[in-house]
Protein backbone atom coordinates (compact mmCIF):
# COMPACT_ATOMS: atom_id res chain seq x y z
CA MET A 1 50.41 98.37 -18.91
CA ILE A 2 48.40 97.23 -21.95
CA ALA A 3 47.86 93.88 -20.23
CA SER A 4 46.45 95.68 -17.19
CA ILE A 5 44.06 97.59 -19.43
CA VAL A 6 42.99 94.37 -21.18
CA ILE A 7 42.47 92.70 -17.81
CA ALA A 8 40.43 95.66 -16.57
CA VAL A 9 38.29 95.57 -19.74
CA CYS A 10 37.75 91.82 -19.25
CA PHE A 11 36.64 92.39 -15.69
CA ILE A 12 34.24 95.10 -16.83
CA VAL A 13 32.78 92.74 -19.45
CA MET A 14 32.47 90.02 -16.76
CA ALA A 15 30.74 92.50 -14.44
CA ILE A 16 28.28 93.47 -17.18
CA SER A 17 27.63 89.78 -17.92
CA LEU A 18 26.97 89.01 -14.27
CA ILE A 19 24.65 92.01 -13.99
CA ALA A 20 22.76 90.71 -17.04
CA ILE A 21 22.52 87.27 -15.40
CA ALA A 22 21.22 88.89 -12.21
CA VAL A 23 18.56 90.77 -14.23
CA ILE A 24 17.51 87.53 -15.97
CA VAL A 25 17.37 85.68 -12.65
CA LYS A 26 15.21 88.46 -11.21
CA ARG A 27 12.84 88.12 -14.17
CA VAL A 28 12.67 84.36 -13.65
CA VAL A 29 11.88 84.91 -9.97
CA ASN A 30 9.07 87.29 -10.93
CA THR A 31 7.73 84.78 -13.47
CA VAL A 32 7.74 82.00 -10.86
CA ARG A 33 5.89 84.25 -8.44
CA ASN A 34 3.30 85.07 -11.11
CA VAL A 35 2.84 81.37 -11.86
CA GLU A 36 2.50 80.65 -8.14
CA GLU A 37 -0.12 83.40 -7.77
CA ARG A 38 -2.09 82.04 -10.71
CA VAL A 39 -1.78 78.42 -9.60
CA GLY A 40 -2.82 79.23 -6.01
CA PRO A 41 -6.48 79.96 -6.84
CA LEU A 42 -6.53 76.95 -9.17
CA ILE A 43 -5.28 74.74 -6.36
CA THR A 44 -7.99 76.13 -4.09
CA LYS A 45 -10.61 75.45 -6.75
CA VAL A 46 -9.24 71.96 -7.34
CA ASP A 47 -9.44 71.26 -3.61
CA ALA A 48 -13.06 72.51 -3.57
CA ILE A 49 -13.93 70.32 -6.54
CA SER A 50 -12.27 67.39 -4.82
CA LYS A 51 -14.42 67.87 -1.72
CA GLN A 52 -17.58 68.22 -3.79
CA GLY A 53 -16.69 65.05 -5.59
CA GLN A 54 -16.40 63.21 -2.32
CA GLU A 55 -19.84 64.50 -1.24
CA MET A 56 -21.38 63.40 -4.50
CA SER A 57 -19.82 59.96 -4.12
CA VAL A 58 -22.04 59.39 -1.10
CA HIS A 59 -25.11 59.90 -3.33
CA PHE A 60 -23.88 58.08 -6.38
CA THR A 61 -22.26 54.79 -5.51
CA GLU A 62 -21.34 53.90 -9.09
CA VAL A 63 -19.51 57.22 -9.59
CA THR A 64 -17.76 56.96 -6.23
CA ALA A 65 -14.83 54.93 -7.45
CA ASN A 66 -14.23 57.18 -10.47
CA LEU A 67 -14.53 60.42 -8.56
CA SER A 68 -12.32 59.29 -5.71
CA THR A 69 -9.68 58.22 -8.23
CA ALA A 70 -9.96 61.59 -9.97
CA SER A 71 -9.74 63.39 -6.63
CA LYS A 72 -6.72 61.33 -5.71
CA HIS A 73 -5.00 62.22 -8.98
CA LEU A 74 -5.88 65.88 -8.57
CA ALA A 75 -4.47 65.89 -5.05
CA GLU A 76 -1.29 64.19 -6.25
CA SER A 77 -1.03 66.68 -9.11
CA THR A 78 -1.54 69.51 -6.65
CA GLU A 79 1.24 68.17 -4.45
CA LEU A 80 3.50 67.73 -7.46
CA ILE A 81 2.79 71.30 -8.54
CA LYS A 82 3.49 72.55 -5.02
CA GLU A 83 6.75 70.61 -4.92
CA GLU A 84 7.80 71.88 -8.35
CA VAL A 85 7.01 75.48 -7.39
CA ALA A 86 9.00 75.04 -4.16
CA GLU A 87 11.92 73.57 -6.11
CA LEU A 88 11.76 76.42 -8.63
CA ARG A 89 11.71 78.93 -5.80
CA THR A 90 14.74 77.25 -4.21
CA ILE A 91 16.64 77.15 -7.50
CA VAL A 92 15.86 80.76 -8.30
CA GLY A 93 16.83 81.82 -4.78
CA SER A 94 20.15 80.00 -4.91
CA THR A 95 20.84 81.33 -8.41
CA ALA A 96 20.17 84.87 -7.22
CA LEU A 97 22.59 84.36 -4.31
CA VAL A 98 25.27 82.97 -6.60
CA ALA A 99 24.76 85.88 -9.02
CA ARG A 100 25.10 88.37 -6.15
CA ASP A 101 28.26 86.64 -4.97
CA LYS A 102 29.73 86.72 -8.46
CA VAL A 103 28.89 90.40 -8.91
CA GLU A 104 30.55 91.13 -5.56
CA MET A 105 33.58 89.06 -6.57
CA VAL A 106 33.89 90.95 -9.88
CA SER A 107 33.55 94.25 -8.02
CA GLN A 108 36.33 93.26 -5.64
CA THR A 109 38.49 92.10 -8.54
CA ILE A 110 37.98 95.40 -10.36
CA ASP A 111 38.88 97.31 -7.19
CA ARG A 112 41.98 95.17 -6.70
CA THR A 113 43.01 95.59 -10.36
CA HIS A 114 42.55 99.36 -10.09
CA SER A 115 44.72 99.41 -6.97
CA GLN A 116 47.39 97.32 -8.70
CA VAL A 117 47.37 99.63 -11.75
CA LEU A 118 47.82 102.65 -9.45
CA ASP A 119 50.64 100.89 -7.57
CA THR A 120 52.34 99.95 -10.85
CA THR A 121 52.03 103.50 -12.17
CA GLU A 122 53.54 104.90 -8.98
CA PHE A 123 56.34 102.29 -9.08
CA VAL A 124 57.18 103.16 -12.71
CA GLN A 125 57.10 106.87 -11.85
CA GLN A 126 59.48 106.43 -8.89
CA LYS A 127 61.82 103.78 -10.30
CA ILE A 128 62.01 104.69 -14.00
CA VAL A 129 60.70 108.16 -14.88
CA ASN A 130 62.23 110.15 -12.00
CA PRO A 131 65.70 108.51 -12.31
CA ALA A 132 65.55 109.01 -16.10
CA ARG A 133 64.89 112.74 -15.58
CA GLU A 134 67.77 112.97 -13.14
CA ILE A 135 70.10 111.15 -15.54
CA ALA A 136 69.00 113.44 -18.39
CA ALA A 137 69.73 116.50 -16.22
CA ILE A 138 73.14 115.09 -15.24
CA MET A 139 73.95 114.31 -18.89
CA ALA A 140 72.96 117.86 -19.91
CA GLY A 141 75.29 119.22 -17.21
CA VAL A 142 78.11 116.91 -18.31
CA LYS A 143 77.58 117.98 -21.93
CA LYS A 144 77.78 121.65 -21.02
CA GLY A 145 80.86 120.98 -18.91
CA LEU A 146 82.54 119.16 -21.80
CA GLU A 147 81.63 121.98 -24.17
CA VAL A 148 83.26 124.45 -21.82
CA LEU A 149 86.36 122.26 -21.39
CA PHE A 150 86.84 121.58 -25.08
CA ALA A 151 85.82 125.00 -26.39
CA PRO A 152 88.57 126.89 -28.27
CA SER A 153 90.45 129.22 -26.03
CA PRO A 154 89.71 132.94 -26.43
CA LYS A 155 92.06 135.04 -28.58
CA GLN A 156 94.81 136.82 -26.75
CA ILE A 157 95.08 140.54 -27.14
CA ASP A 158 98.62 141.23 -28.43
CA ARG A 159 98.44 144.95 -29.02
CA VAL A 160 96.92 148.02 -27.63
CA TYR A 161 93.92 149.48 -29.41
CA MET A 162 93.10 153.09 -29.63
CA ASP A 163 89.71 154.31 -28.48
CA ASP A 164 88.65 155.03 -32.06
CA GLU A 165 89.42 151.51 -33.18
CA LEU A 166 87.27 150.02 -30.43
CA PHE A 167 84.30 152.18 -31.36
CA ILE A 168 81.90 150.32 -33.63
CA GLY A 169 79.59 152.52 -35.42
């Protein structure tokens, strides 16, 4: 019975840990969304700067090579950032799913443990406690029966008593 309690406490601690993980994962998801929202306008601005750089390259032939290289690097960086954000989103999404699955698994385990504890309690009640009560009642009856059988026999009345002798008072 103590083992069942220890197991139940362990499952509760696991459930609390998984809930804490789920909360942390949710915070990470929110942080990634905030980063994505902040990076989005920057990406738009970087794209605009890239286009302006290409227009200026028409007017300045010497700067063309440098600006196109810078634009190329900015575009590559933008793609890398987009890929990283997509990967982070995927990781956070899969982590959230795993955390939900684990919380569900712990919940099912706690329910199953509770059911097993109830079944065990009922089994002990039916197979141990009730028969022990019956045996105790039978033993009490046997004890009383033995007391009656082995009690000293009552005294025999050998003479006749007068009414005055029987009166106590």
